[in-house]
């Protein structure tokens, strides 16, 4: 196979791999920032956190983090962790709990910016 053809084939593969690594690394970085914030700043115990997942979104911002707490497994809290960590919003993921308001939430962070 000629060298030019190899280079032409390798460039798209390199671009795809670089993009994949960039996304995976940033999802991990944002999840770690939020986990550290919850454990160190807000003094949650690790057992109180069911999951923390970094997410790549197609809208702005590109990266955010979804947190589920063990005492509210029917709520997903959305955190931004760009310059500082902010609880941005929450989503009810179980229709049985649709009537819940932010006043009913156990893990609502008043220093965040949930409307």
PDB file of N, CA and C in Angstrom:
ATOM      1  N   UNK A   1       0.840  -1.166   0.000  1.00  0.00           N
ATOM      2  CA  UNK A   1       0.000   0.000   0.000  1.00  0.00           C
ATOM      3  C   UNK A   1       0.894   1.241   0.000  1.00  0.00           C
ATOM      4  N   UNK A   2       0.636   2.195  -0.900  1.00  0.00           N
ATOM      5  CA  UNK A   2       1.455   3.403  -0.970  1.00  0.00           C
ATOM      6  C   UNK A   2       1.343   4.230   0.318  1.00  0.00           C
ATOM      7  N   UNK A   3       2.426   4.959   0.618  1.00  0.00           N
ATOM      8  CA  UNK A   3       2.490   5.747   1.848  1.00  0.00           C
ATOM      9  C   UNK A   3       1.402   6.822   1.895  1.00  0.00           C
ATOM     10  N   UNK A   4       1.093   7.456   0.777  1.00  0.00           N
ATOM     11  CA  UNK A   4       0.064   8.502   0.751  1.00  0.00           C
ATOM     12  C   UNK A   4      -1.304   7.929   1.111  1.00  0.00           C
ATOM     13  N   UNK A   5      -1.586   6.738   0.607  1.00  0.00           N
ATOM     14  CA  UNK A   5      -2.870   6.105   0.895  1.00  0.00           C
ATOM     15  C   UNK A   5      -2.971   5.741   2.374  1.00  0.00           C
ATOM     16  N   UNK A   6      -1.878   5.263   2.951  1.00  0.00           N
ATOM     17  CA  UNK A   6      -1.859   4.948   4.386  1.00  0.00           C
ATOM     18  C   UNK A   6      -2.131   6.203   5.205  1.00  0.00           C
ATOM     19  N   UNK A   7      -1.484   7.299   4.834  1.00  0.00           N
ATOM     20  CA  UNK A   7      -1.669   8.553   5.561  1.00  0.00           C
ATOM     21  C   UNK A   7      -3.109   9.035   5.450  1.00  0.00           C
ATOM     22  N   UNK A   8      -3.683   8.923   4.274  1.00  0.00           N
ATOM     23  CA  UNK A   8      -5.067   9.350   4.061  1.00  0.00           C
ATOM     24  C   UNK A   8      -6.028   8.492   4.896  1.00  0.00           C
ATOM     25  N   UNK A   9      -5.739   7.215   5.041  1.00  0.00           N
ATOM     26  CA  UNK A   9      -6.584   6.334   5.847  1.00  0.00           C
ATOM     27  C   UNK A   9      -6.380   6.536   7.345  1.00  0.00           C
ATOM     28  N   UNK A  10      -5.176   6.854   7.754  1.00  0.00           N
ATOM     29  CA  UNK A  10      -4.885   7.008   9.175  1.00  0.00           C
ATOM     30  C   UNK A  10      -5.399   8.323   9.766  1.00  0.00           C
ATOM     31  N   UNK A  11      -5.462   9.367   8.972  1.00  0.00           N
ATOM     32  CA  UNK A  11      -5.900  10.675   9.477  1.00  0.00           C
ATOM     33  C   UNK A  11      -7.335  10.608  10.035  1.00  0.00           C
ATOM     34  N   UNK A  12      -8.333  10.070   9.311  1.00  0.00           N
ATOM     35  CA  UNK A  12      -9.684  10.005   9.890  1.00  0.00           C
ATOM     36  C   UNK A  12      -9.751   9.122  11.141  1.00  0.00           C
ATOM     37  N   UNK A  13      -8.984   8.040  11.154  1.00  0.00           N
ATOM     38  CA  UNK A  13      -8.963   7.161  12.332  1.00  0.00           C
ATOM     39  C   UNK A  13      -8.391   7.923  13.520  1.00  0.00           C
ATOM     40  N   UNK A  14      -7.332   8.676  13.311  1.00  0.00           N
ATOM     41  CA  UNK A  14      -6.727   9.473  14.366  1.00  0.00           C
ATOM     42  C   UNK A  14      -7.704  10.518  14.893  1.00  0.00           C
ATOM     43  N   UNK A  15      -8.428  11.178  14.002  1.00  0.00           N
ATOM     44  CA  UNK A  15      -9.396  12.205  14.404  1.00  0.00           C
ATOM     45  C   UNK A  15     -10.520  11.586  15.234  1.00  0.00           C
ATOM     46  N   UNK A  16     -11.020  10.452  14.814  1.00  0.00           N
ATOM     47  CA  UNK A  16     -12.095   9.769  15.538  1.00  0.00           C
ATOM     48  C   UNK A  16     -11.617   9.325  16.922  1.00  0.00           C
ATOM     49  N   UNK A  17     -10.444   8.747  16.999  1.00  0.00           N
ATOM     50  CA  UNK A  17      -9.912   8.305  18.287  1.00  0.00           C
ATOM     51  C   UNK A  17      -9.655   9.481  19.226  1.00  0.00           C
ATOM     52  N   UNK A  18      -9.125  10.565  18.693  1.00  0.00           N
ATOM     53  CA  UNK A  18      -8.863  11.745  19.501  1.00  0.00           C
ATOM     54  C   UNK A  18     -10.165  12.294  20.071  1.00  0.00           C
ATOM     55  N   UNK A  19     -11.184  12.369  19.263  1.00  0.00           N
ATOM     56  CA  UNK A  19     -12.498  12.870  19.708  1.00  0.00           C
ATOM     57  C   UNK A  19     -13.075  11.950  20.793  1.00  0.00           C
ATOM     58  N   UNK A  20     -12.978  10.659  20.600  1.00  0.00           N
ATOM     59  CA  UNK A  20     -13.482   9.686  21.577  1.00  0.00           C
ATOM     60  C   UNK A  20     -12.752   9.828  22.912  1.00  0.00           C
ATOM     61  N   UNK A  21     -11.446   9.937  22.867  1.00  0.00           N
ATOM     62  CA  UNK A  21     -10.648  10.077  24.091  1.00  0.00           C
ATOM     63  C   UNK A  21     -10.977  11.395  24.786  1.00  0.00           C
ATOM     64  N   UNK A  22     -11.134  12.463  24.028  1.00  0.00           N
ATOM     65  CA  UNK A  22     -11.492  13.776  24.585  1.00  0.00           C
ATOM     66  C   UNK A  22     -12.821  13.703  25.334  1.00  0.00           C
ATOM     67  N   UNK A  23     -13.822  13.096  24.725  1.00  0.00           N
ATOM     68  CA  UNK A  23     -15.146  12.993  25.351  1.00  0.00           C
ATOM     69  C   UNK A  23     -15.089  12.132  26.602  1.00  0.00           C
ATOM     70  N   UNK A  24     -14.484  10.966  26.511  1.00  0.00           N
ATOM     71  CA  UNK A  24     -14.400  10.063  27.664  1.00  0.00           C
ATOM     72  C   UNK A  24     -13.630  10.700  28.820  1.00  0.00           C
ATOM     73  N   UNK A  25     -12.540  11.355  28.513  1.00  0.00           N
ATOM     74  CA  UNK A  25     -11.731  11.993  29.559  1.00  0.00           C
ATOM     75  C   UNK A  25     -12.512  13.105  30.248  1.00  0.00           C
ATOM     76  N   UNK A  26     -13.205  13.928  29.489  1.00  0.00           N
ATOM     77  CA  UNK A  26     -13.965  15.024  30.084  1.00  0.00           C
ATOM     78  C   UNK A  26     -15.163  14.532  30.891  1.00  0.00           C
ATOM     79  N   UNK A  27     -15.822  13.489  30.440  1.00  0.00           N
ATOM     80  CA  UNK A  27     -16.904  12.915  31.246  1.00  0.00           C
ATOM     81  C   UNK A  27     -16.376  12.464  32.600  1.00  0.00           C
ATOM     82  N   UNK A  28     -15.230  11.839  32.603  1.00  0.00           N
ATOM     83  CA  UNK A  28     -14.611  11.378  33.841  1.00  0.00           C
ATOM     84  C   UNK A  28     -14.177  12.555  34.724  1.00  0.00           C
ATOM     85  N   UNK A  29     -13.598  13.572  34.127  1.00  0.00           N
ATOM     86  CA  UNK A  29     -13.155  14.758  34.875  1.00  0.00           C
ATOM     87  C   UNK A  29     -14.344  15.438  35.545  1.00  0.00           C
ATOM     88  N   UNK A  30     -15.435  15.630  34.811  1.00  0.00           N
ATOM     89  CA  UNK A  30     -16.606  16.301  35.375  1.00  0.00           C
ATOM     90  C   UNK A  30     -17.254  15.460  36.462  1.00  0.00           C
ATOM     91  N   UNK A  31     -17.337  14.164  36.281  1.00  0.00           N
ATOM     92  CA  UNK A  31     -17.890  13.281  37.312  1.00  0.00           C
ATOM     93  C   UNK A  31     -17.033  13.333  38.573  1.00  0.00           C
ATOM     94  N   UNK A  32     -15.735  13.362  38.414  1.00  0.00           N
ATOM     95  CA  UNK A  32     -14.837  13.441  39.577  1.00  0.00           C
ATOM     96  C   UNK A  32     -14.972  14.781  40.304  1.00  0.00           C
ATOM     97  N   UNK A  33     -15.111  15.874  39.560  1.00  0.00           N
ATOM     98  CA  UNK A  33     -15.285  17.188  40.186  1.00  0.00           C
ATOM     99  C   UNK A  33     -16.555  17.216  41.045  1.00  0.00           C
ATOM    100  N   UNK A  34     -17.637  16.687  40.499  1.00  0.00           N
ATOM    101  CA  UNK A  34     -18.899  16.684  41.230  1.00  0.00           C
ATOM    102  C   UNK A  34     -18.824  15.743  42.427  1.00  0.00           C
ATOM    103  N   UNK A  35     -18.224  14.585  42.254  1.00  0.00           N
ATOM    104  CA  UNK A  35     -18.068  13.649  43.377  1.00  0.00           C
ATOM    105  C   UNK A  35     -17.262  14.294  44.498  1.00  0.00           C
ATOM    106  N   UNK A  36     -16.161  14.926  44.160  1.00  0.00           N
ATOM    107  CA  UNK A  36     -15.347  15.612  45.167  1.00  0.00           C
ATOM    108  C   UNK A  36     -16.151  16.704  45.865  1.00  0.00           C
ATOM    109  N   UNK A  37     -16.926  17.457  45.106  1.00  0.00           N
ATOM    110  CA  UNK A  37     -17.762  18.507  45.674  1.00  0.00           C
ATOM    111  C   UNK A  37     -18.775  17.923  46.668  1.00  0.00           C
ATOM    112  N   UNK A  38     -19.435  16.854  46.288  1.00  0.00           N
ATOM    113  CA  UNK A  38     -20.439  16.245  47.159  1.00  0.00           C
ATOM    114  C   UNK A  38     -19.813  15.690  48.439  1.00  0.00           C
ATOM    115  N   UNK A  39     -18.670  15.036  48.299  1.00  0.00           N
ATOM    116  CA  UNK A  39     -18.033  14.418  49.461  1.00  0.00           C
ATOM    117  C   UNK A  39     -17.304  15.426  50.337  1.00  0.00           C
ATOM    118  N   UNK A  40     -16.563  16.330  49.724  1.00  0.00           N
ATOM    119  CA  UNK A  40     -15.713  17.252  50.486  1.00  0.00           C
ATOM    120  C   UNK A  40     -16.439  18.521  50.931  1.00  0.00           C
ATOM    121  N   UNK A  41     -17.181  19.135  50.022  1.00  0.00           N
ATOM    122  CA  UNK A  41     -17.838  20.410  50.330  1.00  0.00           C
ATOM    123  C   UNK A  41     -19.169  20.217  51.057  1.00  0.00           C
ATOM    124  N   UNK A  42     -19.999  19.317  50.537  1.00  0.00           N
ATOM    125  CA  UNK A  42     -21.325  19.132  51.118  1.00  0.00           C
ATOM    126  C   UNK A  42     -21.371  18.021  52.168  1.00  0.00           C
ATOM    127  N   UNK A  43     -20.248  17.333  52.353  1.00  0.00           N
ATOM    128  CA  UNK A  43     -20.101  16.318  53.404  1.00  0.00           C
ATOM    129  C   UNK A  43     -21.057  15.122  53.265  1.00  0.00           C
ATOM    130  N   UNK A  44     -21.382  14.747  52.023  1.00  0.00           N
ATOM    131  CA  UNK A  44     -22.139  13.512  51.815  1.00  0.00           C
ATOM    132  C   UNK A  44     -21.220  12.341  52.100  1.00  0.00           C
ATOM    133  N   UNK A  45     -21.793  11.257  52.527  1.00  0.00           N
ATOM    134  CA  UNK A  45     -21.061  10.006  52.661  1.00  0.00           C
ATOM    135  C   UNK A  45     -21.174   9.271  51.325  1.00  0.00           C
ATOM    136  N   UNK A  46     -20.150   8.531  50.968  1.00  0.00           N
ATOM    137  CA  UNK A  46     -20.155   7.798  49.693  1.00  0.00           C
ATOM    138  C   UNK A  46     -21.392   6.903  49.566  1.00  0.00           C
ATOM    139  N   UNK A  47     -21.852   6.330  50.674  1.00  0.00           N
ATOM    140  CA  UNK A  47     -23.010   5.437  50.638  1.00  0.00           C
ATOM    141  C   UNK A  47     -24.316   6.169  50.322  1.00  0.00           C
ATOM    142  N   UNK A  48     -24.333   7.489  50.430  1.00  0.00           N
ATOM    143  CA  UNK A  48     -25.533   8.269  50.132  1.00  0.00           C
ATOM    144  C   UNK A  48     -25.673   8.572  48.636  1.00  0.00           C
ATOM    145  N   UNK A  49     -24.630   8.295  47.885  1.00  0.00           N
ATOM    146  CA  UNK A  49     -24.614   8.599  46.452  1.00  0.00           C
ATOM    147  C   UNK A  49     -24.752   7.296  45.674  1.00  0.00           C
ATOM    148  N   UNK A  50     -25.856   7.166  44.941  1.00  0.00           N
ATOM    149  CA  UNK A  50     -26.097   5.952  44.161  1.00  0.00           C
ATOM    150  C   UNK A  50     -25.261   5.935  42.885  1.00  0.00           C
ATOM    151  N   UNK A  51     -25.195   7.083  42.189  1.00  0.00           N
ATOM    152  CA  UNK A  51     -24.399   7.140  40.963  1.00  0.00           C
ATOM    153  C   UNK A  51     -24.038   8.577  40.613  1.00  0.00           C
ATOM    154  N   UNK A  52     -22.894   8.707  39.962  1.00  0.00           N
ATOM    155  CA  UNK A  52     -22.427   9.983  39.418  1.00  0.00           C
ATOM    156  C   UNK A  52     -21.910   9.671  38.020  1.00  0.00           C
ATOM    157  N   UNK A  53     -22.505  10.306  37.035  1.00  0.00           N
ATOM    158  CA  UNK A  53     -22.142   9.999  35.651  1.00  0.00           C
ATOM    159  C   UNK A  53     -21.897  11.272  34.857  1.00  0.00           C
ATOM    160  N   UNK A  54     -20.701  11.396  34.301  1.00  0.00           N
ATOM    161  CA  UNK A  54     -20.396  12.496  33.397  1.00  0.00           C
ATOM    162  C   UNK A  54     -21.085  12.246  32.076  1.00  0.00           C
ATOM    163  N   UNK A  55     -21.626  13.309  31.479  1.00  0.00           N
ATOM    164  CA  UNK A  55     -22.410  13.174  30.245  1.00  0.00           C
ATOM    165  C   UNK A  55     -21.916  14.190  29.223  1.00  0.00           C
ATOM    166  N   UNK A  56     -21.799  13.740  27.980  1.00  0.00           N
ATOM    167  CA  UNK A  56     -21.519  14.633  26.857  1.00  0.00           C
ATOM    168  C   UNK A  56     -22.849  14.952  26.206  1.00  0.00           C
ATOM    169  N   UNK A  57     -23.200  16.235  26.189  1.00  0.00           N
ATOM    170  CA  UNK A  57     -24.450  16.655  25.574  1.00  0.00           C
ATOM    171  C   UNK A  57     -24.184  17.323  24.247  1.00  0.00           C
ATOM    172  N   UNK A  58     -25.222  17.425  23.453  1.00  0.00           N
ATOM    173  CA  UNK A  58     -25.080  18.051  22.143  1.00  0.00           C
ATOM    174  C   UNK A  58     -25.446  19.530  22.177  1.00  0.00           C
ATOM    175  N   UNK A  59     -26.019  19.966  23.308  1.00  0.00           N
ATOM    176  CA  UNK A  59     -26.353  21.369  23.483  1.00  0.00           C
ATOM    177  C   UNK A  59     -25.301  22.006  24.377  1.00  0.00           C
ATOM    178  N   UNK A  60     -25.467  23.269  24.667  1.00  0.00           N
ATOM    179  CA  UNK A  60     -24.568  23.948  25.592  1.00  0.00           C
ATOM    180  C   UNK A  60     -25.057  23.710  26.998  1.00  0.00           C
ATOM    181  N   UNK A  61     -24.278  23.459  27.965  1.00  0.00           N
ATOM    182  CA  UNK A  61     -22.856  23.149  27.875  1.00  0.00           C
ATOM    183  C   UNK A  61     -22.648  21.730  27.376  1.00  0.00           C
ATOM    184  N   UNK A  62     -21.501  21.498  26.835  1.00  0.00           N
ATOM    185  CA  UNK A  62     -21.208  20.189  26.252  1.00  0.00           C
ATOM    186  C   UNK A  62     -21.129  19.083  27.294  1.00  0.00           C
ATOM    187  N   UNK A  63     -20.643  19.416  28.497  1.00  0.00           N
ATOM    188  CA  UNK A  63     -20.465  18.410  29.537  1.00  0.00           C
ATOM    189  C   UNK A  63     -21.228  18.804  30.790  1.00  0.00           C
ATOM    190  N   UNK A  64     -21.875  17.826  31.379  1.00  0.00           N
ATOM    191  CA  UNK A  64     -22.544  18.004  32.655  1.00  0.00           C
ATOM    192  C   UNK A  64     -22.523  16.660  33.371  1.00  0.00           C
ATOM    193  N   UNK A  65     -23.026  16.643  34.601  1.00  0.00           N
ATOM    194  CA  UNK A  65     -22.970  15.435  35.406  1.00  0.00           C
ATOM    195  C   UNK A  65     -24.348  15.138  35.972  1.00  0.00           C
ATOM    196  N   UNK A  66     -24.736  13.872  35.932  1.00  0.00           N
ATOM    197  CA  UNK A  66     -26.017  13.421  36.477  1.00  0.00           C
ATOM    198  C   UNK A  66     -25.739  12.636  37.754  1.00  0.00           C
ATOM    199  N   UNK A  67     -26.411  13.043  38.840  1.00  0.00           N
ATOM    200  CA  UNK A  67     -26.227  12.402  40.137  1.00  0.00           C
ATOM    201  C   UNK A  67     -27.561  11.843  40.615  1.00  0.00           C
ATOM    202  N   UNK A  68     -27.526  10.611  41.122  1.00  0.00           N
ATOM    203  CA  UNK A  68     -28.683  10.000  41.764  1.00  0.00           C
ATOM    204  C   UNK A  68     -28.264   9.650  43.186  1.00  0.00           C
ATOM    205  N   UNK A  69     -29.079  10.073  44.143  1.00  0.00           N
ATOM    206  CA  UNK A  69     -28.808   9.786  45.547  1.00  0.00           C
ATOM    207  C   UNK A  69     -29.617   8.574  45.987  1.00  0.00           C
ATOM    208  N   UNK A  70     -29.099   7.841  46.951  1.00  0.00           N
ATOM    209  CA  UNK A  70     -29.770   6.612  47.396  1.00  0.00           C
ATOM    210  C   UNK A  70     -31.120   6.903  48.046  1.00  0.00           C
ATOM    211  N   UNK A  71     -31.270   8.066  48.679  1.00  0.00           N
ATOM    212  CA  UNK A  71     -32.541   8.372  49.336  1.00  0.00           C
ATOM    213  C   UNK A  71     -33.585   8.953  48.382  1.00  0.00           C
ATOM    214  N   UNK A  72     -33.199   9.246  47.155  1.00  0.00           N
ATOM    215  CA  UNK A  72     -34.119   9.731  46.123  1.00  0.00           C
ATOM    216  C   UNK A  72     -33.781   9.083  44.779  1.00  0.00           C
ATOM    217  N   UNK A  73     -33.982   7.777  44.656  1.00  0.00           N
ATOM    218  CA  UNK A  73     -33.589   7.114  43.408  1.00  0.00           C
ATOM    219  C   UNK A  73     -34.476   7.465  42.216  1.00  0.00           C
ATOM    220  N   UNK A  74     -35.518   8.204  42.431  1.00  0.00           N
ATOM    221  CA  UNK A  74     -36.455   8.615  41.390  1.00  0.00           C
ATOM    222  C   UNK A  74     -36.155  10.017  40.854  1.00  0.00           C
ATOM    223  N   UNK A  75     -35.064  10.639  41.334  1.00  0.00           N
ATOM    224  CA  UNK A  75     -34.667  11.982  40.910  1.00  0.00           C
ATOM    225  C   UNK A  75     -33.244  11.941  40.364  1.00  0.00           C
ATOM    226  N   UNK A  76     -33.034  12.580  39.216  1.00  0.00           N
ATOM    227  CA  UNK A  76     -31.693  12.809  38.696  1.00  0.00           C
ATOM    228  C   UNK A  76     -31.373  14.296  38.868  1.00  0.00           C
ATOM    229  N   UNK A  77     -30.304  14.572  39.572  1.00  0.00           N
ATOM    230  CA  UNK A  77     -29.846  15.950  39.748  1.00  0.00           C
ATOM    231  C   UNK A  77     -28.782  16.232  38.696  1.00  0.00           C
ATOM    232  N   UNK A  78     -28.903  17.372  38.049  1.00  0.00           N
ATOM    233  CA  UNK A  78     -27.963  17.767  37.008  1.00  0.00           C
ATOM    234  C   UNK A  78     -27.015  18.811  37.589  1.00  0.00           C
ATOM    235  N   UNK A  79     -25.715  18.550  37.478  1.00  0.00           N
ATOM    236  CA  UNK A  79     -24.683  19.456  37.974  1.00  0.00           C
ATOM    237  C   UNK A  79     -23.811  19.920  36.812  1.00  0.00           C
ATOM    238  N   UNK A  80     -23.422  21.195  36.870  1.00  0.00           N
ATOM    239  CA  UNK A  80     -22.394  21.720  35.987  1.00  0.00           C
ATOM    240  C   UNK A  80     -21.125  21.813  36.813  1.00  0.00           C
ATOM    241  N   UNK A  81     -20.001  21.525  36.207  1.00  0.00           N
ATOM    242  CA  UNK A  81     -18.723  21.553  36.931  1.00  0.00           C
ATOM    243  C   UNK A  81     -17.652  22.205  36.075  1.00  0.00           C
ATOM    244  N   UNK A  82     -17.950  23.378  35.567  1.00  0.00           N
ATOM    245  CA  UNK A  82     -16.983  24.053  34.711  1.00  0.00           C
ATOM    246  C   UNK A  82     -15.978  24.814  35.566  1.00  0.00           C
ATOM    247  N   UNK A  83     -16.277  26.044  35.962  1.00  0.00           N
ATOM    248  CA  UNK A  83     -15.367  26.732  36.871  1.00  0.00           C
ATOM    249  C   UNK A  83     -15.625  26.330  38.318  1.00  0.00           C
ATOM    250  N   UNK A  84     -16.890  26.257  38.673  1.00  0.00           N
ATOM    251  CA  UNK A  84     -17.268  25.759  40.000  1.00  0.00           C
ATOM    252  C   UNK A  84     -18.441  24.816  39.824  1.00  0.00           C
ATOM    253  N   UNK A  85     -18.713  24.034  40.828  1.00  0.00           N
ATOM    254  CA  UNK A  85     -19.786  23.045  40.736  1.00  0.00           C
ATOM    255  C   UNK A  85     -21.102  23.701  41.142  1.00  0.00           C
ATOM    256  N   UNK A  86     -22.119  23.544  40.294  1.00  0.00           N
ATOM    257  CA  UNK A  86     -23.451  24.072  40.557  1.00  0.00           C
ATOM    258  C   UNK A  86     -24.487  22.993  40.283  1.00  0.00           C
ATOM    259  N   UNK A  87     -25.438  22.877  41.177  1.00  0.00           N
ATOM    260  CA  UNK A  87     -26.583  22.016  40.913  1.00  0.00           C
ATOM    261  C   UNK A  87     -27.513  22.839  40.034  1.00  0.00           C
ATOM    262  N   UNK A  88     -27.751  22.404  38.822  1.00  0.00           N
ATOM    263  CA  UNK A  88     -28.476  23.216  37.855  1.00  0.00           C
ATOM    264  C   UNK A  88     -29.971  22.922  37.841  1.00  0.00           C
ATOM    265  N   UNK A  89     -30.324  21.660  37.793  1.00  0.00           N
ATOM    266  CA  UNK A  89     -31.724  21.287  37.744  1.00  0.00           C
ATOM    267  C   UNK A  89     -31.886  19.858  38.214  1.00  0.00           C
ATOM    268  N   UNK A  90     -33.108  19.409  38.240  1.00  0.00           N
ATOM    269  CA  UNK A  90     -33.394  18.016  38.576  1.00  0.00           C
ATOM    270  C   UNK A  90     -34.455  17.497  37.621  1.00  0.00           C
ATOM    271  N   UNK A  91     -34.474  16.191  37.463  1.00  0.00           N
ATOM    272  CA  UNK A  91     -35.462  15.541  36.609  1.00  0.00           C
ATOM    273  C   UNK A  91     -36.069  14.381  37.381  1.00  0.00           C
ATOM    274  N   UNK A  92     -37.376  14.291  37.355  1.00  0.00           N
ATOM    275  CA  UNK A  92     -38.060  13.162  37.971  1.00  0.00           C
ATOM    276  C   UNK A  92     -38.073  12.039  36.946  1.00  0.00           C
ATOM    277  N   UNK A  93     -37.490  10.903  37.314  1.00  0.00           N
ATOM    278  CA  UNK A  93     -37.358   9.807  36.345  1.00  0.00           C
ATOM    279  C   UNK A  93     -38.352   8.684  36.602  1.00  0.00           C
ATOM    280  N   UNK A  94     -39.188   8.827  37.625  1.00  0.00           N
ATOM    281  CA  UNK A  94     -40.215   7.839  37.930  1.00  0.00           C
ATOM    282  C   UNK A  94     -41.560   8.561  37.950  1.00  0.00           C
ATOM    283  N   UNK A  95     -42.455   8.192  37.045  1.00  0.00           N
ATOM    284  CA  UNK A  95     -43.738   8.882  36.905  1.00  0.00           C
ATOM    285  C   UNK A  95     -44.547   8.893  38.201  1.00  0.00           C
ATOM    286  N   UNK A  96     -44.335   7.933  39.061  1.00  0.00           N
ATOM    287  CA  UNK A  96     -45.062   7.846  40.324  1.00  0.00           C
ATOM    288  C   UNK A  96     -44.816   9.079  41.202  1.00  0.00           C
ATOM    289  N   UNK A  97     -43.692   9.759  40.994  1.00  0.00           N
ATOM    290  CA  UNK A  97     -43.306  10.888  41.830  1.00  0.00           C
ATOM    291  C   UNK A  97     -43.426  12.228  41.092  1.00  0.00           C
ATOM    292  N   UNK A  98     -44.243  12.304  40.063  1.00  0.00           N
ATOM    293  CA  UNK A  98     -44.351  13.511  39.233  1.00  0.00           C
ATOM    294  C   UNK A  98     -44.757  14.768  39.989  1.00  0.00           C
ATOM    295  N   UNK A  99     -45.461  14.674  41.106  1.00  0.00           N
ATOM    296  CA  UNK A  99     -45.934  15.853  41.810  1.00  0.00           C
ATOM    297  C   UNK A  99     -44.922  16.496  42.740  1.00  0.00           C
ATOM    298  N   UNK A 100     -43.724  15.966  42.795  1.00  0.00           N
ATOM    299  CA  UNK A 100     -42.710  16.481  43.713  1.00  0.00           C
ATOM    300  C   UNK A 100     -42.236  17.866  43.267  1.00  0.00           C
ATOM    301  N   UNK A 101     -42.104  18.762  44.246  1.00  0.00           N
ATOM    302  CA  UNK A 101     -41.559  20.090  43.972  1.00  0.00           C
ATOM    303  C   UNK A 101     -40.186  20.195  44.636  1.00  0.00           C
ATOM    304  N   UNK A 102     -39.470  21.266  44.371  1.00  0.00           N
ATOM    305  CA  UNK A 102     -38.138  21.400  44.957  1.00  0.00           C
ATOM    306  C   UNK A 102     -38.200  21.488  46.476  1.00  0.00           C
ATOM    307  N   UNK A 103     -39.314  21.925  47.032  1.00  0.00           N
ATOM    308  CA  UNK A 103     -39.467  21.970  48.491  1.00  0.00           C
ATOM    309  C   UNK A 103     -39.492  20.563  49.099  1.00  0.00           C
ATOM    310  N   UNK A 104     -39.865  19.566  48.302  1.00  0.00           N
ATOM    311  CA  UNK A 104     -39.933  18.182  48.771  1.00  0.00           C
ATOM    312  C   UNK A 104     -38.601  17.441  48.633  1.00  0.00           C
ATOM    313  N   UNK A 105     -37.637  18.041  47.958  1.00  0.00           N
ATOM    314  CA  UNK A 105     -36.383  17.353  47.652  1.00  0.00           C
ATOM    315  C   UNK A 105     -35.448  17.322  48.857  1.00  0.00           C
ATOM    316  N   UNK A 106     -34.886  16.173  49.107  1.00  0.00           N
ATOM    317  CA  UNK A 106     -33.938  16.008  50.223  1.00  0.00           C
ATOM    318  C   UNK A 106     -32.542  16.509  49.857  1.00  0.00           C
ATOM    319  N   UNK A 107     -32.178  16.443  48.588  1.00  0.00           N
ATOM    320  CA  UNK A 107     -30.818  16.744  48.163  1.00  0.00           C
ATOM    321  C   UNK A 107     -30.723  18.033  47.349  1.00  0.00           C
ATOM    322  N   UNK A 108     -31.725  18.855  47.463  1.00  0.00           N
ATOM    323  CA  UNK A 108     -31.708  20.159  46.812  1.00  0.00           C
ATOM    324  C   UNK A 108     -30.596  21.000  47.427  1.00  0.00           C
ATOM    325  N   UNK A 109     -29.782  21.605  46.598  1.00  0.00           N
ATOM    326  CA  UNK A 109     -28.667  22.431  47.046  1.00  0.00           C
ATOM    327  C   UNK A 109     -29.032  23.895  46.860  1.00  0.00           C
ATOM    328  N   UNK A 110     -29.413  24.603  47.944  1.00  0.00           N
ATOM    329  CA  UNK A 110     -29.828  25.997  47.783  1.00  0.00           C
ATOM    330  C   UNK A 110     -28.727  26.918  47.269  1.00  0.00           C
ATOM    331  N   UNK A 111     -27.471  26.504  47.362  1.00  0.00           N
ATOM    332  CA  UNK A 111     -26.395  27.323  46.808  1.00  0.00           C
ATOM    333  C   UNK A 111     -26.241  27.109  45.317  1.00  0.00           C
ATOM    334  N   UNK A 112     -26.952  26.105  44.780  1.00  0.00           N
ATOM    335  CA  UNK A 112     -26.964  25.864  43.339  1.00  0.00           C
ATOM    336  C   UNK A 112     -27.910  26.837  42.673  1.00  0.00           C
ATOM    337  N   UNK A 113     -28.196  26.617  41.406  1.00  0.00           N
ATOM    338  CA  UNK A 113     -29.031  27.581  40.686  1.00  0.00           C
ATOM    339  C   UNK A 113     -30.302  26.955  40.144  1.00  0.00           C
ATOM    340  N   UNK A 114     -30.865  25.973  40.838  1.00  0.00           N
ATOM    341  CA  UNK A 114     -32.135  25.387  40.386  1.00  0.00           C
ATOM    342  C   UNK A 114     -33.214  26.457  40.491  1.00  0.00           C
ATOM    343  N   UNK A 115     -33.992  26.576  39.448  1.00  0.00           N
ATOM    344  CA  UNK A 115     -35.088  27.574  39.450  1.00  0.00           C
ATOM    345  C   UNK A 115     -36.345  26.994  40.038  1.00  0.00           C
TER     346      UNK A 115
END
